[in-house]
Amino acid sequence: MSNGPAWSQKLRAEIGKAVIGQDAVIERLLVALLANGHVLLEGMPGLAKTLLVKSLGTALGVQFERIQFTPDLLPSDVVGTMIFSPKDGAFATHKGPIFANLVLADEINRAPAKVQSALLEAMQERQVTIGGGSHQLPRPFFVMATQNPVEQEGTYPLPEAQTDRFLFKLIVDYPSATEEARMMEMWGQVTKSPALQAVSSGEELLALRAFVDAIHVSPGVQAYILALVRGTRDLAAAAEAGGGAKRLLNFGASPRASLALFQAGRALAWLRGSDYVSPALVQEIFHDALRHRVGLTYEAEAEELSSDKILSQVLERTPVPAKTNG
């Protein structure tokens, strides 16, 4: 099936049986699936982040595992370990919950550094190391992690090397009054909960990526993507060079940001039924793809400037190419 809007609609309709609202977030999750990227979801407790990811796994028809990250979690709790068998005197590999297609890392910032490093290998290499041996993870493989933006006691901030591995950082906001009223109607019955069905499969998802790769990205749009990403670096470099420029960023986005905009732009275009990437699509995903890849200075934080506000300045300053579909 090469119809992006139809594939998107059937998944969103199925997820919508359990999750009310969050349309933009759901679309970004589908983009990440097509672009083979991981997602970091940030929002207050009770906003259905876990339900959203679980519903996505059910609708997609892939194996889903949830790992609750805690300060006492060990790497072996995530990737697995070697177990000694007294019967034959040999060690056997016991695979952990990371061996799934869709892994939800719940409250990812509550785990210590050793666990983060084990997860980092899985995210980047799509493999894990158990007992000195490497084990490939199933295809497709995605990590969708959640974190609470306000409760920081007992947490371990994610290192830049790990946050950079996430294709998107999505902000999950409160529902509207209408959506919250519908939630009460849907979930107010304690004896009944929506049952979701698989409407796609991991095999179909892998096959659809060929259509995403065929989406055209003009030289003008490629140059636009580079200008946007390099604009964040110029902002950081200008402050270091002096000249009276206010220092807002410690560092700009890495080349992974350019790849993220390129790949996710193609996926979003295919989902929308377009055969090329336009600057408007790049602008739509710009904040989601870069808000976790730039480092704010103390001066910026003191002025209550968020990464989104600074990225908006970069968008405003970067010229938009005129012709985009050729």
Protein backbone atom coordinates (compact mmCIF):
# COMPACT_ATOMS: atom_id res chain seq x y z
CA MET A 1 0.00 0.00 0.00
CA SER A 2 1.55 3.27 -1.10
CA ASN A 3 -1.21 5.63 0.10
CA GLY A 4 0.22 7.56 3.04
CA PRO A 5 -2.97 9.34 4.16
CA ALA A 6 -4.92 6.05 4.12
CA TRP A 7 -2.29 4.25 6.21
CA SER A 8 -2.15 7.17 8.63
CA GLN A 9 -5.94 7.34 8.90
CA LYS A 10 -6.45 3.68 9.74
CA LEU A 11 -3.83 3.80 12.49
CA ARG A 12 -5.09 7.07 13.91
CA ALA A 13 -8.68 5.82 13.88
CA GLU A 14 -7.69 2.73 15.84
CA ILE A 15 -5.55 4.67 18.34
CA GLY A 16 -8.44 7.14 18.69
CA LYS A 17 -10.55 4.40 20.25
CA ALA A 18 -8.38 4.72 23.38
CA VAL A 19 -6.69 8.12 23.13
CA ILE A 20 -8.66 11.35 22.81
CA GLY A 21 -6.95 14.26 21.07
CA GLN A 22 -3.14 14.51 20.73
CA ASP A 23 -3.53 14.47 16.92
CA ALA A 24 -0.26 16.31 16.27
CA VAL A 25 1.67 14.03 18.63
CA ILE A 26 0.21 10.90 17.02
CA GLU A 27 1.21 12.14 13.56
CA ARG A 28 4.77 12.80 14.77
CA LEU A 29 4.93 9.26 16.20
CA LEU A 30 3.92 7.86 12.81
CA VAL A 31 6.58 10.03 11.16
CA ALA A 32 9.18 8.61 13.56
CA LEU A 33 8.11 5.05 12.74
CA LEU A 34 8.55 5.69 9.03
CA ALA A 35 11.85 7.53 9.53
CA ASN A 36 13.26 4.78 11.79
CA GLY A 37 13.69 7.20 14.69
CA HIS A 38 13.19 7.18 18.45
CA VAL A 39 10.96 9.65 20.29
CA LEU A 40 11.19 11.40 23.65
CA LEU A 41 7.80 12.41 25.07
CA GLU A 42 7.77 15.09 27.75
CA GLY A 43 4.66 16.02 29.71
CA MET A 44 2.99 16.13 33.08
CA PRO A 45 1.75 12.90 34.68
CA GLY A 46 -1.71 11.75 33.64
CA LEU A 47 -1.60 12.97 30.02
CA ALA A 48 -1.86 9.43 28.60
CA LYS A 49 1.71 9.23 27.31
CA THR A 50 1.99 5.55 28.28
CA LEU A 51 -1.48 4.76 26.93
CA LEU A 52 -0.62 6.50 23.67
CA VAL A 53 2.53 4.46 23.04
CA LYS A 54 0.86 1.21 24.10
CA SER A 55 -2.09 1.91 21.81
CA LEU A 56 0.30 2.65 18.95
CA GLY A 57 2.02 -0.70 19.45
CA THR A 58 -1.31 -2.54 19.48
CA ALA A 59 -2.61 -0.78 16.36
CA LEU A 60 0.67 -1.38 14.57
CA GLY A 61 0.59 -5.08 15.46
CA VAL A 62 4.13 -5.27 16.86
CA GLN A 63 5.57 -6.65 20.08
CA PHE A 64 5.36 -4.03 22.82
CA GLU A 65 7.30 -3.91 26.10
CA ARG A 66 7.18 -1.33 28.88
CA ILE A 67 10.17 -0.73 31.16
CA GLN A 68 9.61 1.37 34.27
CA PHE A 69 12.89 3.17 34.89
CA THR A 70 13.85 3.51 38.56
CA PRO A 71 17.08 4.51 40.38
CA ASP A 72 17.79 0.87 41.31
CA LEU A 73 17.38 -0.45 37.76
CA LEU A 74 20.33 -2.46 36.42
CA PRO A 75 21.49 -2.83 32.80
CA SER A 76 20.68 -6.55 33.00
CA ASP A 77 17.07 -5.64 33.85
CA VAL A 78 16.85 -3.99 30.45
CA VAL A 79 19.03 -5.99 28.05
CA GLY A 80 19.13 -9.38 29.81
CA THR A 81 21.83 -11.52 31.37
CA MET A 82 23.60 -14.90 31.32
CA ILE A 83 21.96 -17.57 33.48
CA PHE A 84 23.83 -20.66 34.69
CA SER A 85 22.07 -23.98 34.14
CA PRO A 86 23.10 -26.65 36.72
CA LYS A 87 21.80 -29.43 34.47
CA ASP A 88 24.37 -29.05 31.72
CA GLY A 89 26.83 -26.72 33.48
CA ALA A 90 26.53 -24.05 30.78
CA PHE A 91 25.41 -20.43 30.64
CA ALA A 92 22.36 -19.52 28.60
CA THR A 93 21.34 -16.07 27.39
CA HIS A 94 18.21 -14.67 29.00
CA LYS A 95 16.98 -11.78 26.86
CA GLY A 96 15.50 -8.72 28.56
CA PRO A 97 12.47 -6.59 27.65
CA ILE A 98 14.56 -4.54 25.19
CA PHE A 99 14.05 -7.40 22.70
CA ALA A 100 10.76 -6.03 21.38
CA ASN A 101 9.72 -3.96 18.39
CA LEU A 102 8.37 -1.04 20.39
CA VAL A 103 9.91 -0.35 23.80
CA LEU A 104 8.43 2.23 26.15
CA ALA A 105 11.09 3.60 28.50
CA ASP A 106 8.83 5.12 31.15
CA GLU A 107 10.40 8.01 33.12
CA ILE A 108 13.72 7.41 31.39
CA ASN A 109 15.54 10.07 33.41
CA ARG A 110 15.12 8.10 36.66
CA ALA A 111 17.71 5.46 35.71
CA PRO A 112 21.45 5.82 36.44
CA ALA A 113 24.25 6.18 33.90
CA LYS A 114 24.99 2.46 33.43
CA VAL A 115 21.42 1.78 32.36
CA GLN A 116 21.47 4.80 30.05
CA SER A 117 24.63 3.54 28.35
CA ALA A 118 23.06 0.13 27.76
CA LEU A 119 19.99 1.77 26.27
CA LEU A 120 22.19 4.05 24.16
CA GLU A 121 23.79 1.06 22.43
CA ALA A 122 20.36 -0.37 21.68
CA MET A 123 19.12 2.93 20.25
CA GLN A 124 22.14 3.62 18.07
CA GLU A 125 23.35 0.18 17.01
CA ARG A 126 20.06 -1.75 17.20
CA GLN A 127 21.96 -4.36 19.18
CA VAL A 128 22.89 -5.11 22.79
CA THR A 129 25.83 -6.81 24.48
CA ILE A 130 25.14 -9.68 26.89
CA GLY A 131 27.99 -11.66 28.41
CA GLY A 132 30.49 -10.30 25.92
CA GLY A 133 28.40 -11.27 22.89
CA SER A 134 26.38 -9.01 20.60
CA HIS A 135 22.71 -9.71 19.94
CA GLN A 136 20.72 -8.03 17.19
CA LEU A 137 17.40 -6.48 18.15
CA PRO A 138 14.25 -7.28 16.15
CA ARG A 139 13.19 -5.18 13.17
CA PRO A 140 11.56 -2.74 13.35
CA PHE A 141 12.90 -1.44 16.66
CA PHE A 142 11.91 1.81 18.36
CA VAL A 143 12.41 3.38 21.76
CA MET A 144 9.73 5.79 22.89
CA ALA A 145 10.68 7.36 26.19
CA THR A 146 8.76 9.56 28.60
CA GLN A 147 9.92 12.05 31.19
CA ASN A 148 8.31 14.46 33.63
CA PRO A 149 9.37 18.10 33.08
CA VAL A 150 8.84 19.31 36.67
CA GLU A 151 9.60 16.57 39.20
CA GLN A 152 13.39 16.46 39.15
CA GLU A 153 14.20 14.92 42.56
CA GLY A 154 15.98 11.61 42.18
CA THR A 155 16.44 11.99 38.44
CA TYR A 156 19.49 11.71 36.20
CA PRO A 157 19.46 14.27 33.37
CA LEU A 158 19.96 12.58 30.02
CA PRO A 159 23.41 13.23 28.53
CA GLU A 160 23.55 15.16 25.26
CA ALA A 161 24.88 12.09 23.46
CA GLN A 162 21.67 10.26 24.30
CA THR A 163 19.14 13.01 23.68
CA ASP A 164 20.75 13.53 20.27
CA ARG A 165 19.74 9.96 19.35
CA PHE A 166 16.06 10.85 19.59
CA LEU A 167 14.55 11.92 16.29
CA PHE A 168 11.93 14.06 18.05
CA LYS A 169 11.32 15.52 21.46
CA LEU A 170 7.56 15.99 21.66
CA ILE A 171 5.78 18.14 24.24
CA VAL A 172 2.52 16.52 25.38
CA ASP A 173 0.14 19.23 26.56
CA TYR A 174 -3.14 19.23 28.46
CA PRO A 175 -6.28 18.31 26.50
CA SER A 176 -8.96 20.85 25.65
CA ALA A 177 -12.13 21.05 27.75
CA THR A 178 -14.08 19.20 25.04
CA GLU A 179 -11.47 16.44 24.81
CA GLU A 180 -11.35 16.06 28.59
CA ALA A 181 -15.14 15.75 28.70
CA ARG A 182 -14.97 12.97 26.09
CA MET A 183 -12.32 11.23 28.19
CA MET A 184 -14.66 11.13 31.16
CA GLU A 185 -17.37 9.60 29.00
CA MET A 186 -14.99 7.01 27.57
CA TRP A 187 -13.03 6.05 30.68
CA GLY A 188 -15.68 6.76 33.31
CA GLN A 189 -16.97 3.19 33.15
CA VAL A 190 -14.72 1.07 35.34
CA THR A 191 -16.05 -2.20 33.91
CA LYS A 192 -15.41 -1.32 30.28
CA SER A 193 -12.35 -0.20 28.33
CA PRO A 194 -11.82 0.14 24.57
CA ALA A 195 -10.31 -2.90 22.85
CA LEU A 196 -7.86 -2.13 20.05
CA GLN A 197 -7.04 -4.34 17.08
CA ALA A 198 -3.92 -4.59 14.92
CA VAL A 199 -4.54 -2.75 11.65
CA SER A 200 -0.97 -2.88 10.33
CA SER A 201 2.21 -4.86 10.92
CA GLY A 202 5.94 -4.47 11.32
CA GLU A 203 6.45 -6.00 7.88
CA GLU A 204 4.14 -3.45 6.30
CA LEU A 205 5.94 -0.62 8.07
CA LEU A 206 9.33 -1.79 6.78
CA ALA A 207 7.92 -2.06 3.25
CA LEU A 208 6.43 1.45 3.39
CA ARG A 209 9.83 3.01 3.99
CA ALA A 210 10.65 2.43 0.32
CA PHE A 211 7.86 4.88 -0.60
CA VAL A 212 9.19 7.39 1.94
CA ASP A 213 12.67 7.14 0.41
CA ALA A 214 11.17 7.99 -2.98
CA ILE A 215 9.88 11.38 -1.78
CA HIS A 216 11.72 14.17 -3.60
CA VAL A 217 13.79 16.73 -1.69
CA SER A 218 14.89 19.55 -3.96
CA PRO A 219 18.36 21.11 -3.70
CA GLY A 220 16.70 24.29 -2.47
CA VAL A 221 15.00 22.51 0.43
CA GLN A 222 18.20 20.64 1.28
CA ALA A 223 20.02 23.97 1.42
CA TYR A 224 17.21 25.36 3.58
CA ILE A 225 17.57 22.48 6.04
CA LEU A 226 21.32 23.05 6.27
CA ALA A 227 20.83 26.80 6.74
CA LEU A 228 18.40 26.23 9.61
CA VAL A 229 20.65 23.76 11.42
CA ARG A 230 23.81 25.75 10.85
CA GLY A 231 21.93 28.85 12.00
CA THR A 232 21.81 27.38 15.51
CA ARG A 233 25.57 26.85 15.43
CA ASP A 234 26.15 30.38 14.13
CA LEU A 235 24.10 31.68 17.06
CA ALA A 236 26.38 29.88 19.52
CA ALA A 237 29.58 30.84 17.66
CA ALA A 238 28.65 34.53 17.40
CA ALA A 239 28.36 34.81 21.17
CA GLU A 240 31.73 33.13 21.67
CA ALA A 241 33.35 35.52 19.20
CA GLY A 242 32.12 38.52 21.17
CA GLY A 243 30.99 41.67 19.43
CA GLY A 244 28.20 42.42 21.86
CA ALA A 245 26.00 39.51 20.81
CA LYS A 246 23.90 38.11 23.61
CA ARG A 247 24.97 34.58 24.47
CA LEU A 248 21.88 32.35 24.24
CA LEU A 249 23.24 28.96 23.15
CA ASN A 250 26.22 27.00 24.44
CA PHE A 251 26.16 24.81 21.36
CA GLY A 252 24.09 24.38 18.22
CA ALA A 253 22.52 21.32 16.67
CA SER A 254 24.61 18.40 15.41
CA PRO A 255 24.56 16.93 11.87
CA ARG A 256 21.98 14.44 13.19
CA ALA A 257 19.57 17.37 13.20
CA SER A 258 20.02 17.84 9.45
CA LEU A 259 19.40 14.14 8.88
CA ALA A 260 16.36 14.27 11.18
CA LEU A 261 14.78 17.13 9.24
CA PHE A 262 15.57 15.44 5.93
CA GLN A 263 14.21 12.00 6.87
CA ALA A 264 11.25 13.20 8.91
CA GLY A 265 10.34 15.74 6.23
CA ARG A 266 10.08 12.93 3.70
CA ALA A 267 7.97 10.81 6.05
CA LEU A 268 5.62 13.69 6.83
CA ALA A 269 5.24 14.52 3.14
CA TRP A 270 4.32 10.88 2.38
CA LEU A 271 1.79 10.80 5.24
CA ARG A 272 0.21 13.98 3.86
CA GLY A 273 0.01 12.56 0.34
CA SER A 274 2.69 14.78 -1.18
CA ASP A 275 5.50 13.56 -3.43
CA TYR A 276 7.98 16.25 -2.36
CA VAL A 277 9.15 18.04 0.78
CA SER A 278 8.20 21.70 1.03
CA PRO A 279 9.75 24.34 3.31
CA ALA A 280 6.42 24.49 5.20
CA LEU A 281 6.78 20.82 6.18
CA VAL A 282 10.35 21.44 7.36
CA GLN A 283 9.13 24.36 9.45
CA GLU A 284 6.42 22.17 11.01
CA ILE A 285 8.88 19.64 12.40
CA PHE A 286 11.74 22.05 13.06
CA HIS A 287 11.06 22.55 16.77
CA ASP A 288 10.30 18.88 17.43
CA ALA A 289 13.55 17.80 15.76
CA LEU A 290 15.84 20.43 17.33
CA ARG A 291 14.53 21.51 20.75
CA HIS A 292 16.60 18.78 22.46
CA ARG A 293 19.73 19.32 20.34
CA VAL A 294 20.66 22.86 21.41
CA GLY A 295 22.13 23.87 24.74
CA LEU A 296 20.74 26.94 26.49
CA THR A 297 23.05 29.25 28.41
CA TYR A 298 22.42 30.45 31.95
CA GLU A 299 21.71 33.88 30.48
CA ALA A 300 18.93 32.47 28.28
CA GLU A 301 17.43 30.54 31.18
CA ALA A 302 17.59 33.62 33.41
CA GLU A 303 15.58 35.52 30.81
CA GLU A 304 13.12 32.60 30.71
CA LEU A 305 13.91 31.91 27.07
CA SER A 306 13.06 28.38 26.01
CA SER A 307 14.78 26.47 23.25
CA ASP A 308 11.55 26.81 21.23
CA LYS A 309 11.71 30.61 21.40
CA ILE A 310 15.33 30.67 20.27
CA LEU A 311 14.59 28.20 17.45
CA SER A 312 11.73 30.45 16.35
CA GLN A 313 14.27 33.27 16.00
CA VAL A 314 16.38 31.04 13.77
CA LEU A 315 13.32 30.27 11.63
CA GLU A 316 12.51 33.97 11.25
CA ARG A 317 16.07 34.88 10.22
CA THR A 318 16.56 32.10 7.66
CA PRO A 319 15.40 32.92 4.12
CA VAL A 320 12.84 30.52 2.66
CA PRO A 321 13.61 29.14 -0.82
CA ALA A 322 11.13 30.17 -3.51
CA LYS A 323 10.92 27.08 -5.73
CA THR A 324 10.65 23.86 -3.72
CA ASN A 325 9.20 21.05 -5.84
CA GLY A 326 11.72 20.89 -8.63
